[in-house]
Amino acid sequence: MSKQENMDEQFAKGSIGKLLFKLAFPAIVAQLINALYNIVDRMYIGNMPGVGDVALTGVGVTFPIIILISAFAALVGMGGAPLAAIRLGEGNREKAEEIMGNSVTLLLGFAVVLTVGFTLVKEPLLYLFGASSETFSYANDYITLYVFGTVFVMLSLGLNAFINTQGFAKTGMLTVLIGAVINIALDPILIYGLGLGVRGAAIATVFSQMVSALWVFLFLTGKRTILKIRLPHMRLRLSNVAHILPLGLSPFIMQSTESLVQITFNKSLLLYGGNVFVGAMTILGSIMQVFQMPIIGLTQGAQPIIGYNYGAGNYARVKKTMRYSVLSCAMVSVACWAFLMLAPELVIGLFNDKPELVQATVHAMRIYMSMLFILGLQFSCQNAFVALGHAKISIFLALLRKIILLIPLVLVLPLLLPGSKVDSVLIAEPVADTIASLTTFFVFIVKVRRLKYDMEMRPAVENAVPDAKGV
């Protein structure tokens, strides 16, 4: 049986529950490992003798830039990979390879632009993002080196989506596992052994991402892959770009708006609570990142199954996969929320043991993450629209939580609510989570009821691309 036939057999006929677990488990592990890139750095930095808390706050200020780089990788990877999955479901392998080749070119182009852009404007950006005279030097040392590795971040994250969408979840997991192991091994050597401090952490991360990028490239040009990177397919076609980027806007918005959210929280907390609460938000951001990883892994496991069967016109399997995805994401989000509410000190202590910072972070977590259990609905339902190629709906839902709700609430609530201004800033998160998640779930239910009709009306044209405007 050929690789293509084996994929057809699994995606079109195999047990959905087993297939979802087979694809999601390595994706979850990969997401958790990927989180280690920055989190391990923060742990080591936060425990640097004498200056750990200040250095940690300084590195936290760089998060918006780091998040933006990852967001551009998601823009291309999560825009192109679902389209490639749909093309494979239609039996059009050539078109799927062309989409991947165009994605490689887009990733390289964005990497050049971001590297030059952030290098030129990093100083004003860091102050804009919440740096103070005390923390700027640490932020600058870290991000100066990190930005030079932008191309490796873009390729490893963006192209790994194409490995996962072919069903090679274990290979996708190894992409980040290899880099994370190298990063963890190099961190103590460079930070403490060679006395490089935050610069050592940045060097370790960049080198690790470089190895991961090389691994991805070798796989996608090797013998095991179904879709291969071929030079003729790297020539950009406007029709491909016009569908990759709109579909990738939803995950891009979800990630890039983290930068705006982080900036807004940092500036507001610096104003109302000082450096200690900016440091607390740095820790909460890391914890939130870990919390999201298993849910994102589950949605990534579901995405190729949904996309493939949507392309093949198999309504029953599309609907069943979405049901499995929503239920599993909801269960994981509730379990993670319960753990964090019951044992916050256990998690926070991994980053820093300074009593003032720990106390502030525990207090902030109780408010900031109080409605975390509902986010499983938001992530799973929104990803289903991405997997189906419904860009317009997924973009709106991505904008709703952070741009339409969260950022305005962070700015307005301290002016309206009595009592602690810091608490008012933190309350914005659970309010936005609740409204956005319930809205997303409602839209999802409405669209699922129309799904069979939409699939029957969808033209089965060989080179048709899913409607970038949604259904």
Foldseek 3Di string as FASTA:
>chain_A
DDLLVVLCCCLVPNDLVVLLCLLLVLQLLLLLLLLLLVVVLLLVQLPDPPCSLLLSLLQLLCVLLVLLLLLQLLLQQLLLLLQLLLLSLLVNQVVNLLLLLQSLLSLQVVLVVSLVVCLVCVQVSSVLLFDDPSRNVSNCLQVNLLSVLSSLSSQLNNLLLNCSLSPNSNLSSVLSVQLSVQLNVQSCCQVPVVVNNSNSSNVSSSVSSNVSNVSSQDVQCDDPDSHHNDPVSNPDDPVSVVRSNLLSLLSSLLRSLVSVLSSLLSVLCCVQPNSLVSSLVSLVVSLVSSLCSSLVSSLSSLLSSLSSCLSNLNLVSNLVSLVVSLVVLLVSQVVSLVVCLVCVLVSSVSSHDDVSSSVSNNVLCCQQCVQSSLCSLLSSLLSSCSSNSFSQVSNVLSCQLRPVQQSVQLVCQLVPDDDRSSSSNSNSNNVSSVVSSVVSNVVSVVVSVCVSVVSVPDDSDSPDTPDSNGD
